[in-house]
Amino acid sequence: NALQRLCIMRCLRPDRMTYAVRAFVEEKLGAKFVEARMVEFDKSFKETSSSTPVFFILSPGVDPLKDVEKLGKKMRFSTDNGNFHNVSLGQGQEVVAEGA
């Protein structure tokens, strides 16, 4: 069955798990659960506050920074103005994130 194929893939080809899980989800839940969709940054921003940060959990190769900067400029936020801070979280970025 599909779950067994996924387990075997995990053992034999862990580098292919992203694709295998995508195929599994599409087979079991439907294509709408694996289709890429655009984030409506205006809407996301309206659902946040100064005490509610926004986190993007991304697939490899996806970079929403240009869209976020575009929304920021529309609202007069930019790195040049000193009121826009972009922090990509990863190893060793805790201090940078806490300072932002």
PDB file of N, CA and C in Angstrom:
ATOM      1  N   ASN A   1       0.835  -1.195   0.000  1.00  0.00           N
ATOM      2  CA  ASN A   1       0.000   0.000   0.000  1.00  0.00           C
ATOM      3  C   ASN A   1       0.873   1.249   0.000  1.00  0.00           C
ATOM      4  N   ALA A   2       0.254   2.394  -0.070  1.00  0.00           N
ATOM      5  CA  ALA A   2       0.981   3.655  -0.214  1.00  0.00           C
ATOM      6  C   ALA A   2       1.857   3.971   0.995  1.00  0.00           C
ATOM      7  N   LEU A   3       1.373   3.686   2.185  1.00  0.00           N
ATOM      8  CA  LEU A   3       2.163   3.956   3.388  1.00  0.00           C
ATOM      9  C   LEU A   3       3.398   3.061   3.442  1.00  0.00           C
ATOM     10  N   GLN A   4       3.259   1.827   3.048  1.00  0.00           N
ATOM     11  CA  GLN A   4       4.412   0.923   3.007  1.00  0.00           C
ATOM     12  C   GLN A   4       5.445   1.407   1.995  1.00  0.00           C
ATOM     13  N   ARG A   5       4.985   1.879   0.842  1.00  0.00           N
ATOM     14  CA  ARG A   5       5.909   2.435  -0.162  1.00  0.00           C
ATOM     15  C   ARG A   5       6.663   3.621   0.419  1.00  0.00           C
ATOM     16  N   LEU A   6       5.958   4.450   1.177  1.00  0.00           N
ATOM     17  CA  LEU A   6       6.580   5.615   1.801  1.00  0.00           C
ATOM     18  C   LEU A   6       7.649   5.186   2.809  1.00  0.00           C
ATOM     19  N   CYS A   7       7.366   4.168   3.595  1.00  0.00           N
ATOM     20  CA  CYS A   7       8.332   3.658   4.581  1.00  0.00           C
ATOM     21  C   CYS A   7       9.569   3.082   3.896  1.00  0.00           C
ATOM     22  N   ILE A   8       9.353   2.353   2.815  1.00  0.00           N
ATOM     23  CA  ILE A   8      10.478   1.785   2.066  1.00  0.00           C
ATOM     24  C   ILE A   8      11.315   2.899   1.447  1.00  0.00           C
ATOM     25  N   MET A   9      10.652   3.907   0.911  1.00  0.00           N
ATOM     26  CA  MET A   9      11.361   5.052   0.338  1.00  0.00           C
ATOM     27  C   MET A   9      12.222   5.728   1.396  1.00  0.00           C
ATOM     28  N   ARG A  10      11.695   5.846   2.590  1.00  0.00           N
ATOM     29  CA  ARG A  10      12.431   6.479   3.699  1.00  0.00           C
ATOM     30  C   ARG A  10      13.707   5.709   4.009  1.00  0.00           C
ATOM     31  N   CYS A  11      13.643   4.394   3.920  1.00  0.00           N
ATOM     32  CA  CYS A  11      14.820   3.555   4.193  1.00  0.00           C
ATOM     33  C   CYS A  11      15.835   3.589   3.054  1.00  0.00           C
ATOM     34  N   LEU A  12      15.337   3.517   1.830  1.00  0.00           N
ATOM     35  CA  LEU A  12      16.232   3.373   0.683  1.00  0.00           C
ATOM     36  C   LEU A  12      16.675   4.690   0.059  1.00  0.00           C
ATOM     37  N   ARG A  13      15.784   5.668   0.018  1.00  0.00           N
ATOM     38  CA  ARG A  13      16.095   6.939  -0.645  1.00  0.00           C
ATOM     39  C   ARG A  13      15.576   8.120   0.169  1.00  0.00           C
ATOM     40  N   PRO A  14      16.177   8.400   1.328  1.00  0.00           N
ATOM     41  CA  PRO A  14      15.694   9.517   2.147  1.00  0.00           C
ATOM     42  C   PRO A  14      15.768  10.864   1.423  1.00  0.00           C
ATOM     43  N   ASP A  15      16.641  10.961   0.430  1.00  0.00           N
ATOM     44  CA  ASP A  15      16.748  12.200  -0.346  1.00  0.00           C
ATOM     45  C   ASP A  15      15.513  12.450  -1.208  1.00  0.00           C
ATOM     46  N   ARG A  16      14.698  11.439  -1.422  1.00  0.00           N
ATOM     47  CA  ARG A  16      13.492  11.570  -2.251  1.00  0.00           C
ATOM     48  C   ARG A  16      12.213  11.689  -1.437  1.00  0.00           C
ATOM     49  N   MET A  17      12.343  11.852  -0.123  1.00  0.00           N
ATOM     50  CA  MET A  17      11.158  11.869   0.738  1.00  0.00           C
ATOM     51  C   MET A  17      10.217  13.035   0.457  1.00  0.00           C
ATOM     52  N   THR A  18      10.755  14.188   0.144  1.00  0.00           N
ATOM     53  CA  THR A  18       9.887  15.332  -0.149  1.00  0.00           C
ATOM     54  C   THR A  18       8.929  14.989  -1.283  1.00  0.00           C
ATOM     55  N   TYR A  19       9.455  14.402  -2.332  1.00  0.00           N
ATOM     56  CA  TYR A  19       8.626  14.044  -3.480  1.00  0.00           C
ATOM     57  C   TYR A  19       7.679  12.898  -3.142  1.00  0.00           C
ATOM     58  N   ALA A  20       8.179  11.934  -2.377  1.00  0.00           N
ATOM     59  CA  ALA A  20       7.354  10.782  -2.017  1.00  0.00           C
ATOM     60  C   ALA A  20       6.190  11.191  -1.119  1.00  0.00           C
ATOM     61  N   VAL A  21       6.448  12.062  -0.163  1.00  0.00           N
ATOM     62  CA  VAL A  21       5.376  12.522   0.726  1.00  0.00           C
ATOM     63  C   VAL A  21       4.361  13.339  -0.058  1.00  0.00           C
ATOM     64  N   ARG A  22       4.845  14.154  -0.970  1.00  0.00           N
ATOM     65  CA  ARG A  22       3.931  14.937  -1.809  1.00  0.00           C
ATOM     66  C   ARG A  22       2.999  14.014  -2.596  1.00  0.00           C
ATOM     67  N   ALA A  23       3.565  12.980  -3.194  1.00  0.00           N
ATOM     68  CA  ALA A  23       2.753  12.029  -3.959  1.00  0.00           C
ATOM     69  C   ALA A  23       1.778  11.294  -3.043  1.00  0.00           C
ATOM     70  N   PHE A  24       2.230  10.941  -1.852  1.00  0.00           N
ATOM     71  CA  PHE A  24       1.377  10.249  -0.882  1.00  0.00           C
ATOM     72  C   PHE A  24       0.188  11.126  -0.483  1.00  0.00           C
ATOM     73  N   VAL A  25       0.465  12.372  -0.152  1.00  0.00           N
ATOM     74  CA  VAL A  25      -0.602  13.291   0.258  1.00  0.00           C
ATOM     75  C   VAL A  25      -1.577  13.513  -0.893  1.00  0.00           C
ATOM     76  N   GLU A  26      -1.044  13.688  -2.095  1.00  0.00           N
ATOM     77  CA  GLU A  26      -1.924  13.889  -3.248  1.00  0.00           C
ATOM     78  C   GLU A  26      -2.807  12.668  -3.485  1.00  0.00           C
ATOM     79  N   GLU A  27      -2.235  11.484  -3.349  1.00  0.00           N
ATOM     80  CA  GLU A  27      -3.001  10.255  -3.561  1.00  0.00           C
ATOM     81  C   GLU A  27      -4.077  10.071  -2.496  1.00  0.00           C
ATOM     82  N   LYS A  28      -3.749  10.342  -1.254  1.00  0.00           N
ATOM     83  CA  LYS A  28      -4.665  10.063  -0.150  1.00  0.00           C
ATOM     84  C   LYS A  28      -5.640  11.201   0.149  1.00  0.00           C
ATOM     85  N   LEU A  29      -5.192  12.442  -0.011  1.00  0.00           N
ATOM     86  CA  LEU A  29      -6.031  13.583   0.371  1.00  0.00           C
ATOM     87  C   LEU A  29      -6.530  14.402  -0.809  1.00  0.00           C
ATOM     88  N   GLY A  30      -5.811  14.340  -1.913  1.00  0.00           N
ATOM     89  CA  GLY A  30      -6.227  15.094  -3.083  1.00  0.00           C
ATOM     90  C   GLY A  30      -5.222  16.157  -3.475  1.00  0.00           C
ATOM     91  N   ALA A  31      -5.311  16.579  -4.725  1.00  0.00           N
ATOM     92  CA  ALA A  31      -4.352  17.526  -5.288  1.00  0.00           C
ATOM     93  C   ALA A  31      -4.383  18.888  -4.607  1.00  0.00           C
ATOM     94  N   LYS A  32      -5.539  19.281  -4.080  1.00  0.00           N
ATOM     95  CA  LYS A  32      -5.626  20.620  -3.483  1.00  0.00           C
ATOM     96  C   LYS A  32      -4.716  20.774  -2.266  1.00  0.00           C
ATOM     97  N   PHE A  33      -4.296  19.660  -1.672  1.00  0.00           N
ATOM     98  CA  PHE A  33      -3.436  19.723  -0.496  1.00  0.00           C
ATOM     99  C   PHE A  33      -1.956  19.836  -0.842  1.00  0.00           C
ATOM    100  N   VAL A  34      -1.606  19.709  -2.106  1.00  0.00           N
ATOM    101  CA  VAL A  34      -0.205  19.836  -2.506  1.00  0.00           C
ATOM    102  C   VAL A  34       0.023  20.964  -3.505  1.00  0.00           C
ATOM    103  N   GLU A  35      -1.038  21.601  -3.942  1.00  0.00           N
ATOM    104  CA  GLU A  35      -0.893  22.701  -4.886  1.00  0.00           C
ATOM    105  C   GLU A  35      -0.300  23.909  -4.186  1.00  0.00           C
ATOM    106  N   ALA A  36       0.630  24.540  -4.877  1.00  0.00           N
ATOM    107  CA  ALA A  36       1.207  25.771  -4.341  1.00  0.00           C
ATOM    108  C   ALA A  36       0.165  26.874  -4.437  1.00  0.00           C
ATOM    109  N   ARG A  37       0.117  27.698  -3.428  1.00  0.00           N
ATOM    110  CA  ARG A  37      -0.812  28.821  -3.490  1.00  0.00           C
ATOM    111  C   ARG A  37      -0.082  30.073  -3.041  1.00  0.00           C
ATOM    112  N   MET A  38      -0.516  31.158  -3.584  1.00  0.00           N
ATOM    113  CA  MET A  38       0.107  32.435  -3.258  1.00  0.00           C
ATOM    114  C   MET A  38      -0.409  32.932  -1.914  1.00  0.00           C
ATOM    115  N   VAL A  39       0.503  33.455  -1.140  1.00  0.00           N
ATOM    116  CA  VAL A  39       0.133  34.039   0.143  1.00  0.00           C
ATOM    117  C   VAL A  39      -0.358  35.456  -0.109  1.00  0.00           C
ATOM    118  N   GLU A  40      -1.487  35.790   0.455  1.00  0.00           N
ATOM    119  CA  GLU A  40      -2.002  37.149   0.345  1.00  0.00           C
ATOM    120  C   GLU A  40      -1.411  37.947   1.502  1.00  0.00           C
ATOM    121  N   PHE A  41      -0.324  38.668   1.229  1.00  0.00           N
ATOM    122  CA  PHE A  41       0.395  39.352   2.295  1.00  0.00           C
ATOM    123  C   PHE A  41      -0.433  40.450   2.944  1.00  0.00           C
ATOM    124  N   ASP A  42      -1.259  41.124   2.163  1.00  0.00           N
ATOM    125  CA  ASP A  42      -2.142  42.141   2.753  1.00  0.00           C
ATOM    126  C   ASP A  42      -3.037  41.509   3.814  1.00  0.00           C
ATOM    127  N   LYS A  43      -3.618  40.379   3.485  1.00  0.00           N
ATOM    128  CA  LYS A  43      -4.514  39.688   4.409  1.00  0.00           C
ATOM    129  C   LYS A  43      -3.744  39.173   5.627  1.00  0.00           C
ATOM    130  N   SER A  44      -2.572  38.593   5.402  1.00  0.00           N
ATOM    131  CA  SER A  44      -1.758  38.096   6.517  1.00  0.00           C
ATOM    132  C   SER A  44      -1.389  39.227   7.464  1.00  0.00           C
ATOM    133  N   PHE A  45      -1.041  40.365   6.909  1.00  0.00           N
ATOM    134  CA  PHE A  45      -0.648  41.499   7.742  1.00  0.00           C
ATOM    135  C   PHE A  45      -1.812  41.977   8.610  1.00  0.00           C
ATOM    136  N   LYS A  46      -2.997  41.988   8.049  1.00  0.00           N
ATOM    137  CA  LYS A  46      -4.171  42.432   8.810  1.00  0.00           C
ATOM    138  C   LYS A  46      -4.489  41.496   9.974  1.00  0.00           C
ATOM    139  N   GLU A  47      -4.022  40.244   9.890  1.00  0.00           N
ATOM    140  CA  GLU A  47      -4.281  39.269  10.945  1.00  0.00           C
ATOM    141  C   GLU A  47      -3.197  39.261  12.020  1.00  0.00           C
ATOM    142  N   THR A  48      -2.215  40.152  11.921  1.00  0.00           N
ATOM    143  CA  THR A  48      -1.124  40.196  12.890  1.00  0.00           C
ATOM    144  C   THR A  48      -1.199  41.473  13.709  1.00  0.00           C
ATOM    145  N   SER A  49      -0.277  41.573  14.650  1.00  0.00           N
ATOM    146  CA  SER A  49      -0.135  42.805  15.432  1.00  0.00           C
ATOM    147  C   SER A  49       1.337  42.942  15.793  1.00  0.00           C
ATOM    148  N   SER A  50       1.673  44.001  16.517  1.00  0.00           N
ATOM    149  CA  SER A  50       3.072  44.195  16.901  1.00  0.00           C
ATOM    150  C   SER A  50       3.558  43.099  17.836  1.00  0.00           C
ATOM    151  N   SER A  51       2.651  42.407  18.476  1.00  0.00           N
ATOM    152  CA  SER A  51       3.044  41.316  19.376  1.00  0.00           C
ATOM    153  C   SER A  51       2.767  39.933  18.777  1.00  0.00           C
ATOM    154  N   THR A  52       2.335  39.904  17.524  1.00  0.00           N
ATOM    155  CA  THR A  52       2.071  38.639  16.839  1.00  0.00           C
ATOM    156  C   THR A  52       2.933  38.579  15.584  1.00  0.00           C
ATOM    157  N   PRO A  53       4.070  37.889  15.648  1.00  0.00           N
ATOM    158  CA  PRO A  53       4.958  37.838  14.480  1.00  0.00           C
ATOM    159  C   PRO A  53       4.396  36.948  13.379  1.00  0.00           C
ATOM    160  N   VAL A  54       4.977  37.081  12.210  1.00  0.00           N
ATOM    161  CA  VAL A  54       4.606  36.253  11.071  1.00  0.00           C
ATOM    162  C   VAL A  54       5.775  35.321  10.779  1.00  0.00           C
ATOM    163  N   PHE A  55       5.491  34.046  10.676  1.00  0.00           N
ATOM    164  CA  PHE A  55       6.514  33.066  10.332  1.00  0.00           C
ATOM    165  C   PHE A  55       6.138  32.416   9.015  1.00  0.00           C
ATOM    166  N   PHE A  56       7.110  32.269   8.144  1.00  0.00           N
ATOM    167  CA  PHE A  56       6.907  31.570   6.889  1.00  0.00           C
ATOM    168  C   PHE A  56       7.667  30.256   6.966  1.00  0.00           C
ATOM    169  N   ILE A  57       6.984  29.161   6.780  1.00  0.00           N
ATOM    170  CA  ILE A  57       7.626  27.853   6.695  1.00  0.00           C
ATOM    171  C   ILE A  57       7.624  27.502   5.216  1.00  0.00           C
ATOM    172  N   LEU A  58       8.805  27.461   4.638  1.00  0.00           N
ATOM    173  CA  LEU A  58       8.925  27.422   3.192  1.00  0.00           C
ATOM    174  C   LEU A  58       9.466  26.109   2.662  1.00  0.00           C
ATOM    175  N   SER A  59       9.112  25.832   1.439  1.00  0.00           N
ATOM    176  CA  SER A  59       9.704  24.719   0.710  1.00  0.00           C
ATOM    177  C   SER A  59      11.037  25.189   0.144  1.00  0.00           C
ATOM    178  N   PRO A  60      11.936  24.266  -0.167  1.00  0.00           N
ATOM    179  CA  PRO A  60      13.208  24.667  -0.770  1.00  0.00           C
ATOM    180  C   PRO A  60      12.989  25.475  -2.040  1.00  0.00           C
ATOM    181  N   GLY A  61      13.748  26.545  -2.174  1.00  0.00           N
ATOM    182  CA  GLY A  61      13.676  27.382  -3.366  1.00  0.00           C
ATOM    183  C   GLY A  61      12.627  28.470  -3.332  1.00  0.00           C
ATOM    184  N   VAL A  62      11.830  28.537  -2.283  1.00  0.00           N
ATOM    185  CA  VAL A  62      10.781  29.551  -2.180  1.00  0.00           C
ATOM    186  C   VAL A  62      11.303  30.718  -1.353  1.00  0.00           C
ATOM    187  N   ASP A  63      11.151  31.925  -1.861  1.00  0.00           N
ATOM    188  CA  ASP A  63      11.612  33.111  -1.145  1.00  0.00           C
ATOM    189  C   ASP A  63      10.557  34.211  -1.252  1.00  0.00           C
ATOM    190  N   PRO A  64       9.797  34.449  -0.192  1.00  0.00           N
ATOM    191  CA  PRO A  64       8.739  35.458  -0.227  1.00  0.00           C
ATOM    192  C   PRO A  64       9.230  36.877   0.047  1.00  0.00           C
ATOM    193  N   LEU A  65      10.533  37.068   0.211  1.00  0.00           N
ATOM    194  CA  LEU A  65      11.048  38.367   0.639  1.00  0.00           C
ATOM    195  C   LEU A  65      10.612  39.506  -0.280  1.00  0.00           C
ATOM    196  N   LYS A  66      10.670  39.315  -1.572  1.00  0.00           N
ATOM    197  CA  LYS A  66      10.288  40.395  -2.501  1.00  0.00           C
ATOM    198  C   LYS A  66       8.831  40.806  -2.294  1.00  0.00           C
ATOM    199  N   ASP A  67       7.954  39.840  -2.081  1.00  0.00           N
ATOM    200  CA  ASP A  67       6.542  40.155  -1.853  1.00  0.00           C
ATOM    201  C   ASP A  67       6.345  40.876  -0.524  1.00  0.00           C
ATOM    202  N   VAL A  68       7.089  40.456   0.492  1.00  0.00           N
ATOM    203  CA  VAL A  68       6.997  41.111   1.800  1.00  0.00           C
ATOM    204  C   VAL A  68       7.526  42.538   1.703  1.00  0.00           C
ATOM    205  N   GLU A  69       8.658  42.721   1.026  1.00  0.00           N
ATOM    206  CA  GLU A  69       9.213  44.068   0.848  1.00  0.00           C
ATOM    207  C   GLU A  69       8.255  44.960   0.066  1.00  0.00           C
ATOM    208  N   LYS A  70       7.604  44.398  -0.942  1.00  0.00           N
ATOM    209  CA  LYS A  70       6.638  45.164  -1.746  1.00  0.00           C
ATOM    210  C   LYS A  70       5.493  45.677  -0.874  1.00  0.00           C
ATOM    211  N   LEU A  71       4.954  44.805  -0.029  1.00  0.00           N
ATOM    212  CA  LEU A  71       3.896  45.229   0.887  1.00  0.00           C
ATOM    213  C   LEU A  71       4.427  46.269   1.864  1.00  0.00           C
ATOM    214  N   GLY A  72       5.645  46.049   2.362  1.00  0.00           N
ATOM    215  CA  GLY A  72       6.248  47.002   3.289  1.00  0.00           C
ATOM    216  C   GLY A  72       6.393  48.388   2.678  1.00  0.00           C
ATOM    217  N   LYS A  73       6.875  48.450   1.459  1.00  0.00           N
ATOM    218  CA  LYS A  73       7.043  49.747   0.791  1.00  0.00           C
ATOM    219  C   LYS A  73       5.706  50.440   0.602  1.00  0.00           C
ATOM    220  N   LYS A  74       4.675  49.654   0.297  1.00  0.00           N
ATOM    221  CA  LYS A  74       3.338  50.222   0.133  1.00  0.00           C
ATOM    222  C   LYS A  74       2.862  50.863   1.437  1.00  0.00           C
ATOM    223  N   MET A  75       3.339  50.306   2.558  1.00  0.00           N
ATOM    224  CA  MET A  75       2.932  50.808   3.871  1.00  0.00           C
ATOM    225  C   MET A  75       4.006  51.694   4.510  1.00  0.00           C
ATOM    226  N   ARG A  76       4.991  52.097   3.695  1.00  0.00           N
ATOM    227  CA  ARG A  76       6.093  52.971   4.120  1.00  0.00           C
ATOM    228  C   ARG A  76       7.031  52.319   5.136  1.00  0.00           C
ATOM    229  N   PHE A  77       7.228  51.020   5.003  1.00  0.00           N
ATOM    230  CA  PHE A  77       8.219  50.294   5.794  1.00  0.00           C
ATOM    231  C   PHE A  77       9.333  49.859   4.854  1.00  0.00           C
ATOM    232  N   SER A  78      10.569  50.138   5.232  1.00  0.00           N
ATOM    233  CA  SER A  78      11.696  49.694   4.413  1.00  0.00           C
ATOM    234  C   SER A  78      12.952  49.616   5.272  1.00  0.00           C
ATOM    235  N   THR A  79      13.923  48.908   4.755  1.00  0.00           N
ATOM    236  CA  THR A  79      15.210  48.822   5.437  1.00  0.00           C
ATOM    237  C   THR A  79      15.849  50.199   5.493  1.00  0.00           C
ATOM    238  N   ASP A  80      15.707  50.971   4.418  1.00  0.00           N
ATOM    239  CA  ASP A  80      16.275  52.323   4.376  1.00  0.00           C
ATOM    240  C   ASP A  80      15.679  53.221   5.453  1.00  0.00           C
ATOM    241  N   ASN A  81      14.397  53.058   5.728  1.00  0.00           N
ATOM    242  CA  ASN A  81      13.745  53.862   6.768  1.00  0.00           C
ATOM    243  C   ASN A  81      14.064  53.360   8.173  1.00  0.00           C
ATOM    244  N   GLY A  82      14.644  52.167   8.263  1.00  0.00           N
ATOM    245  CA  GLY A  82      14.994  51.604   9.564  1.00  0.00           C
ATOM    246  C   GLY A  82      13.823  50.985  10.310  1.00  0.00           C
ATOM    247  N   ASN A  83      12.700  50.821   9.626  1.00  0.00           N
ATOM    248  CA  ASN A  83      11.535  50.245  10.303  1.00  0.00           C
ATOM    249  C   ASN A  83      11.102  48.904   9.694  1.00  0.00           C
ATOM    250  N   PHE A  84      11.995  48.297   8.923  1.00  0.00           N
ATOM    251  CA  PHE A  84      11.756  46.974   8.351  1.00  0.00           C
ATOM    252  C   PHE A  84      12.980  46.116   8.618  1.00  0.00           C
ATOM    253  N   HIS A  85      12.780  44.968   9.278  1.00  0.00           N
ATOM    254  CA  HIS A  85      13.885  44.069   9.602  1.00  0.00           C
ATOM    255  C   HIS A  85      13.551  42.674   9.090  1.00  0.00           C
ATOM    256  N   ASN A  86      14.415  42.152   8.255  1.00  0.00           N
ATOM    257  CA  ASN A  86      14.254  40.799   7.735  1.00  0.00           C
ATOM    258  C   ASN A  86      15.264  39.901   8.431  1.00  0.00           C
ATOM    259  N   VAL A  87      14.773  38.863   9.092  1.00  0.00           N
ATOM    260  CA  VAL A  87      15.655  37.910   9.762  1.00  0.00           C
ATOM    261  C   VAL A  87      15.296  36.510   9.281  1.00  0.00           C
ATOM    262  N   SER A  88      16.227  35.877   8.576  1.00  0.00           N
ATOM    263  CA  SER A  88      16.043  34.488   8.175  1.00  0.00           C
ATOM    264  C   SER A  88      16.554  33.622   9.308  1.00  0.00           C
ATOM    265  N   LEU A  89      15.653  32.883   9.922  1.00  0.00           N
ATOM    266  CA  LEU A  89      16.044  32.081  11.073  1.00  0.00           C
ATOM    267  C   LEU A  89      16.776  30.831  10.626  1.00  0.00           C
ATOM    268  N   GLY A  90      17.838  30.569  11.302  1.00  0.00           N
ATOM    269  CA  GLY A  90      18.656  29.399  11.032  1.00  0.00           C
ATOM    270  C   GLY A  90      19.698  29.305  12.120  1.00  0.00           C
ATOM    271  N   GLN A  91      20.656  28.473  11.904  1.00  0.00           N
ATOM    272  CA  GLN A  91      21.688  28.252  12.907  1.00  0.00           C
ATOM    273  C   GLN A  91      22.429  29.552  13.215  1.00  0.00           C
ATOM    274  N   GLY A  92      22.485  29.902  14.492  1.00  0.00           N
ATOM    275  CA  GLY A  92      23.224  31.078  14.931  1.00  0.00           C
ATOM    276  C   GLY A  92      22.497  32.395  14.773  1.00  0.00           C
ATOM    277  N   GLN A  93      21.231  32.385  14.394  1.00  0.00           N
ATOM    278  CA  GLN A  93      20.492  33.623  14.152  1.00  0.00           C
ATOM    279  C   GLN A  93      19.633  34.056  15.334  1.00  0.00           C
ATOM    280  N   GLU A  94      19.720  33.337  16.455  1.00  0.00           N
ATOM    281  CA  GLU A  94      18.872  33.648  17.605  1.00  0.00           C
ATOM    282  C   GLU A  94      19.096  35.070  18.108  1.00  0.00           C
ATOM    283  N   VAL A  95      20.351  35.478  18.226  1.00  0.00           N
ATOM    284  CA  VAL A  95      20.676  36.810  18.748  1.00  0.00           C
ATOM    285  C   VAL A  95      20.156  37.887  17.805  1.00  0.00           C
ATOM    286  N   VAL A  96      20.319  37.664  16.509  1.00  0.00           N
ATOM    287  CA  VAL A  96      19.828  38.624  15.514  1.00  0.00           C
ATOM    288  C   VAL A  96      18.315  38.749  15.608  1.00  0.00           C
ATOM    289  N   ALA A  97      17.622  37.625  15.719  1.00  0.00           N
ATOM    290  CA  ALA A  97      16.158  37.632  15.801  1.00  0.00           C
ATOM    291  C   ALA A  97      15.688  38.330  17.069  1.00  0.00           C
ATOM    292  N   GLU A  98      16.351  38.067  18.181  1.00  0.00           N
ATOM    293  CA  GLU A  98      15.956  38.710  19.435  1.00  0.00           C
ATOM    294  C   GLU A  98      16.187  40.215  19.381  1.00  0.00           C
ATOM    295  N   GLY A  99      17.207  40.649  18.658  1.00  0.00           N
ATOM    296  CA  GLY A  99      17.489  42.078  18.536  1.00  0.00           C
ATOM    297  C   GLY A  99      16.526  42.807  17.626  1.00  0.00           C
ATOM    298  N   ALA A 100      15.903  42.080  16.719  1.00  0.00           N
ATOM    299  CA  ALA A 100      14.964  42.705  15.783  1.00  0.00           C
ATOM    300  C   ALA A 100      13.660  42.952  16.492  1.00  0.00           C
TER     301      ALA A 100
END
